[in-house]
């Protein structure tokens, strides 16, 4: 194998690797875009659905706790 053929095979190998890495980069960029879109959808769902529902449940539990805590209390002790 002459030096010219070695150079040619080296160049061909480099081109093949560059093409492969370019393909992998395109795939990775597409996956990143999809994940960014999914993340934005999830964030919107959290803000529109989860957080208001959690606030509602928190208020409900707070009112239940307070109702149970003070249910059997005698308020005569607070009179002056």
PDB file of N, CA and C in Angstrom:
ATOM      1  N   UNK A   1       0.867  -1.178   0.000  1.00  0.00           N
ATOM      2  CA  UNK A   1       0.000   0.000   0.000  1.00  0.00           C
ATOM      3  C   UNK A   1       0.905   1.230   0.000  1.00  0.00           C
ATOM      4  N   UNK A   2       0.713   2.104  -0.963  1.00  0.00           N
ATOM      5  CA  UNK A   2       1.559   3.291  -1.070  1.00  0.00           C
ATOM      6  C   UNK A   2       1.077   4.367  -0.102  1.00  0.00           C
ATOM      7  N   UNK A   3       1.904   5.377   0.092  1.00  0.00           N
ATOM      8  CA  UNK A   3       1.537   6.466   0.995  1.00  0.00           C
ATOM      9  C   UNK A   3       0.324   7.219   0.474  1.00  0.00           C
ATOM     10  N   UNK A   4       0.186   7.291  -0.826  1.00  0.00           N
ATOM     11  CA  UNK A   4      -0.976   7.966  -1.421  1.00  0.00           C
ATOM     12  C   UNK A   4      -2.264   7.221  -1.075  1.00  0.00           C
ATOM     13  N   UNK A   5      -2.221   5.896  -1.144  1.00  0.00           N
ATOM     14  CA  UNK A   5      -3.402   5.089  -0.803  1.00  0.00           C
ATOM     15  C   UNK A   5      -3.726   5.185   0.681  1.00  0.00           C
ATOM     16  N   UNK A   6      -2.689   5.231   1.543  1.00  0.00           N
ATOM     17  CA  UNK A   6      -2.899   5.380   2.979  1.00  0.00           C
ATOM     18  C   UNK A   6      -3.571   6.703   3.289  1.00  0.00           C
ATOM     19  N   UNK A   7      -3.100   7.764   2.626  1.00  0.00           N
ATOM     20  CA  UNK A   7      -3.709   9.082   2.833  1.00  0.00           C
ATOM     21  C   UNK A   7      -5.166   9.069   2.403  1.00  0.00           C
ATOM     22  N   UNK A   8      -5.419   8.437   1.259  1.00  0.00           N
ATOM     23  CA  UNK A   8      -6.785   8.375   0.736  1.00  0.00           C
ATOM     24  C   UNK A   8      -7.696   7.602   1.697  1.00  0.00           C
ATOM     25  N   UNK A   9      -7.221   6.467   2.213  1.00  0.00           N
ATOM     26  CA  UNK A   9      -8.052   5.690   3.130  1.00  0.00           C
ATOM     27  C   UNK A   9      -8.257   6.470   4.443  1.00  0.00           C
ATOM     28  N   UNK A  10      -7.238   7.200   4.874  1.00  0.00           N
ATOM     29  CA  UNK A  10      -7.369   8.021   6.084  1.00  0.00           C
ATOM     30  C   UNK A  10      -8.412   9.117   5.877  1.00  0.00           C
ATOM     31  N   UNK A  11      -8.379   9.765   4.712  1.00  0.00           N
ATOM     32  CA  UNK A  11      -9.344  10.822   4.386  1.00  0.00           C
ATOM     33  C   UNK A  11     -10.749  10.234   4.302  1.00  0.00           C
ATOM     34  N   UNK A  12     -10.869   9.074   3.678  1.00  0.00           N
ATOM     35  CA  UNK A  12     -12.185   8.427   3.582  1.00  0.00           C
ATOM     36  C   UNK A  12     -12.726   8.075   4.964  1.00  0.00           C
ATOM     37  N   UNK A  13     -11.854   7.562   5.831  1.00  0.00           N
ATOM     38  CA  UNK A  13     -12.257   7.225   7.200  1.00  0.00           C
ATOM     39  C   UNK A  13     -12.693   8.482   7.952  1.00  0.00           C
ATOM     40  N   UNK A  14     -11.965   9.563   7.794  1.00  0.00           N
ATOM     41  CA  UNK A  14     -12.316  10.822   8.455  1.00  0.00           C
ATOM     42  C   UNK A  14     -13.655  11.329   7.932  1.00  0.00           C
ATOM     43  N   UNK A  15     -13.881  11.262   6.644  1.00  0.00           N
ATOM     44  CA  UNK A  15     -15.162  11.703   6.068  1.00  0.00           C
ATOM     45  C   UNK A  15     -16.315  10.849   6.609  1.00  0.00           C
ATOM     46  N   UNK A  16     -16.078   9.548   6.678  1.00  0.00           N
ATOM     47  CA  UNK A  16     -17.112   8.643   7.190  1.00  0.00           C
ATOM     48  C   UNK A  16     -17.437   8.990   8.648  1.00  0.00           C
ATOM     49  N   UNK A  17     -16.419   9.222   9.452  1.00  0.00           N
ATOM     50  CA  UNK A  17     -16.651   9.576  10.852  1.00  0.00           C
ATOM     51  C   UNK A  17     -17.362  10.922  10.981  1.00  0.00           C
ATOM     52  N   UNK A  18     -16.966  11.888  10.161  1.00  0.00           N
ATOM     53  CA  UNK A  18     -17.621  13.203  10.188  1.00  0.00           C
ATOM     54  C   UNK A  18     -19.090  13.061   9.818  1.00  0.00           C
ATOM     55  N   UNK A  19     -19.383  12.274   8.796  1.00  0.00           N
ATOM     56  CA  UNK A  19     -20.774  12.068   8.382  1.00  0.00           C
ATOM     57  C   UNK A  19     -21.564  11.399   9.504  1.00  0.00           C
ATOM     58  N   UNK A  20     -20.954  10.405  10.145  1.00  0.00           N
ATOM     59  CA  UNK A  20     -21.631   9.701  11.237  1.00  0.00           C
ATOM     60  C   UNK A  20     -21.901  10.649  12.406  1.00  0.00           C
ATOM     61  N   UNK A  21     -20.905  11.443  12.775  1.00  0.00           N
ATOM     62  CA  UNK A  21     -21.076  12.375  13.895  1.00  0.00           C
ATOM     63  C   UNK A  21     -22.081  13.474  13.561  1.00  0.00           C
ATOM     64  N   UNK A  22     -22.100  13.900  12.295  1.00  0.00           N
ATOM     65  CA  UNK A  22     -23.095  14.898  11.881  1.00  0.00           C
ATOM     66  C   UNK A  22     -24.504  14.331  12.016  1.00  0.00           C
ATOM     67  N   UNK A  23     -24.676  13.076  11.626  1.00  0.00           N
ATOM     68  CA  UNK A  23     -25.970  12.412  11.750  1.00  0.00           C
ATOM     69  C   UNK A  23     -26.376  12.304  13.217  1.00  0.00           C
ATOM     70  N   UNK A  24     -25.423  11.895  14.066  1.00  0.00           N
ATOM     71  CA  UNK A  24     -25.711  11.793  15.495  1.00  0.00           C
ATOM     72  C   UNK A  24     -26.064  13.152  16.087  1.00  0.00           C
ATOM     73  N   UNK A  25     -25.384  14.204  15.657  1.00  0.00           N
ATOM     74  CA  UNK A  25     -25.675  15.550  16.135  1.00  0.00           C
ATOM     75  C   UNK A  25     -27.086  15.972  15.751  1.00  0.00           C
ATOM     76  N   UNK A  26     -27.490  15.695  14.520  1.00  0.00           N
ATOM     77  CA  UNK A  26     -28.854  16.031  14.087  1.00  0.00           C
ATOM     78  C   UNK A  26     -29.884  15.282  14.921  1.00  0.00           C
ATOM     79  N   UNK A  27     -29.619  14.008  15.186  1.00  0.00           N
ATOM     80  CA  UNK A  27     -30.550  13.228  16.013  1.00  0.00           C
ATOM     81  C   UNK A  27     -30.642  13.815  17.422  1.00  0.00           C
ATOM     82  N   UNK A  28     -29.500  14.165  17.977  1.00  0.00           N
ATOM     83  CA  UNK A  28     -29.480  14.721  19.331  1.00  0.00           C
ATOM     84  C   UNK A  28     -30.207  16.055  19.391  1.00  0.00           C
ATOM     85  N   UNK A  29     -30.008  16.887  18.394  1.00  0.00           N
ATOM     86  CA  UNK A  29     -30.704  18.181  18.369  1.00  0.00           C
ATOM     87  C   UNK A  29     -32.205  17.989  18.269  1.00  0.00           C
ATOM     88  N   UNK A  30     -32.636  17.013  17.485  1.00  0.00           N
ATOM     89  CA  UNK A  30     -34.073  16.730  17.376  1.00  0.00           C
ATOM     90  C   UNK A  30     -34.630  16.252  18.716  1.00  0.00           C
ATOM     91  N   UNK A  31     -33.873  15.399  19.416  1.00  0.00           N
ATOM     92  CA  UNK A  31     -34.322  14.932  20.728  1.00  0.00           C
ATOM     93  C   UNK A  31     -34.395  16.077  21.727  1.00  0.00           C
ATOM     94  N   UNK A  32     -33.413  16.977  21.677  1.00  0.00           N
ATOM     95  CA  UNK A  32     -33.414  18.126  22.583  1.00  0.00           C
ATOM     96  C   UNK A  32     -34.638  18.998  22.320  1.00  0.00           C
ATOM     97  N   UNK A  33     -34.948  19.242  21.045  1.00  0.00           N
ATOM     98  CA  UNK A  33     -36.136  20.044  20.718  1.00  0.00           C
ATOM     99  C   UNK A  33     -37.401  19.384  21.236  1.00  0.00           C
ATOM    100  N   UNK A  34     -37.505  18.066  21.073  1.00  0.00           N
ATOM    101  CA  UNK A  34     -38.691  17.349  21.557  1.00  0.00           C
ATOM    102  C   UNK A  34     -38.781  17.441  23.077  1.00  0.00           C
ATOM    103  N   UNK A  35     -37.657  17.257  23.766  1.00  0.00           N
ATOM    104  CA  UNK A  35     -37.670  17.344  25.226  1.00  0.00           C
ATOM    105  C   UNK A  35     -38.005  18.751  25.701  1.00  0.00           C
ATOM    106  N   UNK A  36     -37.514  19.759  25.008  1.00  0.00           N
ATOM    107  CA  UNK A  36     -37.856  21.142  25.372  1.00  0.00           C
ATOM    108  C   UNK A  36     -39.349  21.380  25.198  1.00  0.00           C
ATOM    109  N   UNK A  37     -39.921  20.865  24.111  1.00  0.00           N
ATOM    110  CA  UNK A  37     -41.362  21.003  23.876  1.00  0.00           C
ATOM    111  C   UNK A  37     -42.145  20.280  24.970  1.00  0.00           C
ATOM    112  N   UNK A  38     -41.734  19.032  25.275  1.00  0.00           N
ATOM    113  CA  UNK A  38     -42.420  18.265  26.318  1.00  0.00           C
ATOM    114  C   UNK A  38     -42.312  18.960  27.667  1.00  0.00           C
ATOM    115  N   UNK A  39     -41.152  19.520  27.946  1.00  0.00           N
ATOM    116  CA  UNK A  39     -40.953  20.227  29.206  1.00  0.00           C
ATOM    117  C   UNK A  39     -41.860  21.455  29.285  1.00  0.00           C
ATOM    118  N   UNK A  40     -41.991  22.183  28.184  1.00  0.00           N
ATOM    119  CA  UNK A  40     -42.870  23.354  28.171  1.00  0.00           C
ATOM    120  C   UNK A  40     -44.325  22.942  28.383  1.00  0.00           C
ATOM    121  N   UNK A  41     -44.731  21.842  27.750  1.00  0.00           N
ATOM    122  CA  UNK A  41     -46.091  21.325  27.943  1.00  0.00           C
ATOM    123  C   UNK A  41     -46.324  20.941  29.402  1.00  0.00           C
ATOM    124  N   UNK A  42     -45.354  20.267  29.980  1.00  0.00           N
ATOM    125  CA  UNK A  42     -45.471  19.841  31.373  1.00  0.00           C
ATOM    126  C   UNK A  42     -45.523  21.040  32.314  1.00  0.00           C
ATOM    127  N   UNK A  43     -44.686  22.029  32.048  1.00  0.00           N
ATOM    128  CA  UNK A  43     -44.677  23.228  32.886  1.00  0.00           C
ATOM    129  C   UNK A  43     -46.020  23.947  32.809  1.00  0.00           C
ATOM    130  N   UNK A  44     -46.590  24.020  31.607  1.00  0.00           N
ATOM    131  CA  UNK A  44     -47.905  24.651  31.424  1.00  0.00           C
ATOM    132  C   UNK A  44     -48.963  23.880  32.211  1.00  0.00           C
ATOM    133  N   UNK A  45     -48.907  22.553  32.142  1.00  0.00           N
ATOM    134  CA  UNK A  45     -49.872  21.724  32.863  1.00  0.00           C
ATOM    135  C   UNK A  45     -49.733  21.929  34.370  1.00  0.00           C
ATOM    136  N   UNK A  46     -48.497  21.989  34.856  1.00  0.00           N
ATOM    137  CA  UNK A  46     -48.267  22.198  36.289  1.00  0.00           C
ATOM    138  C   UNK A  46     -48.849  23.541  36.716  1.00  0.00           C
ATOM    139  N   UNK A  47     -48.559  24.585  35.953  1.00  0.00           N
ATOM    140  CA  UNK A  47     -49.033  25.923  36.318  1.00  0.00           C
ATOM    141  C   UNK A  47     -50.550  26.057  36.215  1.00  0.00           C
ATOM    142  N   UNK A  48     -51.143  25.421  35.204  1.00  0.00           N
ATOM    143  CA  UNK A  48     -52.583  25.577  34.975  1.00  0.00           C
ATOM    144  C   UNK A  48     -53.436  24.616  35.799  1.00  0.00           C
ATOM    145  N   UNK A  49     -52.900  23.452  36.119  1.00  0.00           N
ATOM    146  CA  UNK A  49     -53.704  22.417  36.760  1.00  0.00           C
ATOM    147  C   UNK A  49     -53.227  22.083  38.170  1.00  0.00           C
ATOM    148  N   UNK A  50     -51.984  21.725  38.288  1.00  0.00           N
ATOM    149  CA  UNK A  50     -51.488  21.202  39.571  1.00  0.00           C
ATOM    150  C   UNK A  50     -51.459  22.250  40.677  1.00  0.00           C
ATOM    151  N   UNK A  51     -50.870  23.379  40.398  1.00  0.00           N
ATOM    152  CA  UNK A  51     -50.709  24.379  41.456  1.00  0.00           C
ATOM    153  C   UNK A  51     -52.060  24.880  41.973  1.00  0.00           C
ATOM    154  N   UNK A  52     -53.020  25.241  41.099  1.00  0.00           N
ATOM    155  CA  UNK A  52     -54.332  25.633  41.638  1.00  0.00           C
ATOM    156  C   UNK A  52     -55.000  24.511  42.448  1.00  0.00           C
ATOM    157  N   UNK A  53     -54.867  23.267  41.982  1.00  0.00           N
ATOM    158  CA  UNK A  53     -55.472  22.143  42.708  1.00  0.00           C
ATOM    159  C   UNK A  53     -54.796  21.952  44.060  1.00  0.00           C
ATOM    160  N   UNK A  54     -53.481  22.087  44.111  1.00  0.00           N
ATOM    161  CA  UNK A  54     -52.778  21.958  45.390  1.00  0.00           C
ATOM    162  C   UNK A  54     -53.194  23.060  46.362  1.00  0.00           C
ATOM    163  N   UNK A  55     -53.363  24.268  45.856  1.00  0.00           N
ATOM    164  CA  UNK A  55     -53.825  25.361  46.715  1.00  0.00           C
ATOM    165  C   UNK A  55     -55.221  25.065  47.254  1.00  0.00           C
ATOM    166  N   UNK A  56     -56.070  24.550  46.376  1.00  0.00           N
ATOM    167  CA  UNK A  56     -57.439  24.208  46.781  1.00  0.00           C
ATOM    168  C   UNK A  56     -57.430  23.118  47.859  1.00  0.00           C
ATOM    169  N   UNK A  57     -56.622  22.080  47.662  1.00  0.00           N
ATOM    170  CA  UNK A  57     -56.539  21.006  48.650  1.00  0.00           C
ATOM    171  C   UNK A  57     -55.953  21.504  49.966  1.00  0.00           C
ATOM    172  N   UNK A  58     -54.985  22.387  49.882  1.00  0.00           N
ATOM    173  CA  UNK A  58     -54.384  22.953  51.086  1.00  0.00           C
ATOM    174  C   UNK A  58     -55.424  23.726  51.891  1.00  0.00           C
ATOM    175  N   UNK A  59     -56.209  24.539  51.211  1.00  0.00           N
ATOM    176  CA  UNK A  59     -57.255  25.296  51.902  1.00  0.00           C
ATOM    177  C   UNK A  59     -58.284  24.355  52.523  1.00  0.00           C
ATOM    178  N   UNK A  60     -58.648  23.309  51.796  1.00  0.00           N
ATOM    179  CA  UNK A  60     -59.625  22.347  52.301  1.00  0.00           C
ATOM    180  C   UNK A  60     -59.093  21.635  53.551  1.00  0.00           C
ATOM    181  N   UNK A  61     -57.843  21.191  53.488  1.00  0.00           N
ATOM    182  CA  UNK A  61     -57.262  20.512  54.654  1.00  0.00           C
ATOM    183  C   UNK A  61     -57.114  21.454  55.839  1.00  0.00           C
ATOM    184  N   UNK A  62     -56.755  22.699  55.559  1.00  0.00           N
ATOM    185  CA  UNK A  62     -56.623  23.679  56.640  1.00  0.00           C
ATOM    186  C   UNK A  62     -57.965  23.897  57.316  1.00  0.00           C
ATOM    187  N   UNK A  63     -59.023  24.044  56.519  1.00  0.00           N
ATOM    188  CA  UNK A  63     -60.343  24.272  57.117  1.00  0.00           C
ATOM    189  C   UNK A  63     -60.816  23.038  57.884  1.00  0.00           C
ATOM    190  N   UNK A  64     -60.525  21.833  57.371  1.00  0.00           N
ATOM    191  CA  UNK A  64     -60.894  20.611  58.100  1.00  0.00           C
ATOM    192  C   UNK A  64     -60.142  20.520  59.417  1.00  0.00           C
ATOM    193  N   UNK A  65     -58.844  20.818  59.384  1.00  0.00           N
ATOM    194  CA  UNK A  65     -58.044  20.770  60.604  1.00  0.00           C
ATOM    195  C   UNK A  65     -58.584  21.756  61.630  1.00  0.00           C
ATOM    196  N   UNK A  66     -58.853  22.969  61.190  1.00  0.00           N
ATOM    197  CA  UNK A  66     -59.357  23.984  62.122  1.00  0.00           C
ATOM    198  C   UNK A  66     -60.727  23.602  62.666  1.00  0.00           C
ATOM    199  N   UNK A  67     -61.581  23.034  61.824  1.00  0.00           N
ATOM    200  CA  UNK A  67     -62.910  22.620  62.278  1.00  0.00           C
ATOM    201  C   UNK A  67     -62.788  21.521  63.332  1.00  0.00           C
ATOM    202  N   UNK A  68     -61.895  20.572  63.103  1.00  0.00           N
ATOM    203  CA  UNK A  68     -61.729  19.479  64.057  1.00  0.00           C
ATOM    204  C   UNK A  68     -61.071  19.979  65.344  1.00  0.00           C
ATOM    205  N   UNK A  69     -60.116  20.865  65.204  1.00  0.00           N
ATOM    206  CA  UNK A  69     -59.384  21.367  66.363  1.00  0.00           C
ATOM    207  C   UNK A  69     -60.299  22.132  67.317  1.00  0.00           C
ATOM    208  N   UNK A  70     -61.187  22.916  66.756  1.00  0.00           N
ATOM    209  CA  UNK A  70     -62.033  23.785  67.582  1.00  0.00           C
ATOM    210  C   UNK A  70     -63.446  23.251  67.774  1.00  0.00           C
ATOM    211  N   UNK A  71     -63.743  22.043  67.290  1.00  0.00           N
ATOM    212  CA  UNK A  71     -65.103  21.512  67.311  1.00  0.00           C
ATOM    213  C   UNK A  71     -65.657  21.403  68.735  1.00  0.00           C
ATOM    214  N   UNK A  72     -64.920  20.822  69.623  1.00  0.00           N
ATOM    215  CA  UNK A  72     -65.427  20.548  70.980  1.00  0.00           C
ATOM    216  C   UNK A  72     -64.903  21.531  72.022  1.00  0.00           C
ATOM    217  N   UNK A  73     -64.493  22.686  71.574  1.00  0.00           N
ATOM    218  CA  UNK A  73     -63.937  23.637  72.529  1.00  0.00           C
ATOM    219  C   UNK A  73     -65.040  24.481  73.171  1.00  0.00           C
ATOM    220  N   UNK A  74     -64.862  24.766  74.438  1.00  0.00           N
ATOM    221  CA  UNK A  74     -65.809  25.581  75.175  1.00  0.00           C
ATOM    222  C   UNK A  74     -65.321  27.025  75.130  1.00  0.00           C
ATOM    223  N   UNK A  75     -66.122  27.886  74.530  1.00  0.00           N
ATOM    224  CA  UNK A  75     -65.697  29.270  74.360  1.00  0.00           C
ATOM    225  C   UNK A  75     -66.035  30.149  75.563  1.00  0.00           C
ATOM    226  N   UNK A  76     -66.643  29.548  76.602  1.00  0.00           N
ATOM    227  CA  UNK A  76     -66.952  30.312  77.813  1.00  0.00           C
ATOM    228  C   UNK A  76     -65.681  30.801  78.513  1.00  0.00           C
ATOM    229  N   UNK A  77     -64.612  30.054  78.331  1.00  0.00           N
ATOM    230  CA  UNK A  77     -63.364  30.423  78.988  1.00  0.00           C
ATOM    231  C   UNK A  77     -62.784  31.730  78.432  1.00  0.00           C
ATOM    232  N   UNK A  78     -63.193  32.135  77.254  1.00  0.00           N
ATOM    233  CA  UNK A  78     -62.669  33.360  76.655  1.00  0.00           C
ATOM    234  C   UNK A  78     -63.460  34.592  77.066  1.00  0.00           C
ATOM    235  N   UNK A  79     -64.604  34.408  77.769  1.00  0.00           N
ATOM    236  CA  UNK A  79     -65.401  35.555  78.180  1.00  0.00           C
ATOM    237  C   UNK A  79     -64.731  36.306  79.317  1.00  0.00           C
ATOM    238  N   UNK A  80     -64.926  37.589  79.343  1.00  0.00           N
ATOM    239  CA  UNK A  80     -64.327  38.408  80.414  1.00  0.00           C
ATOM    240  C   UNK A  80     -65.327  38.690  81.477  1.00  0.00           C
TER     241      UNK A  80
END
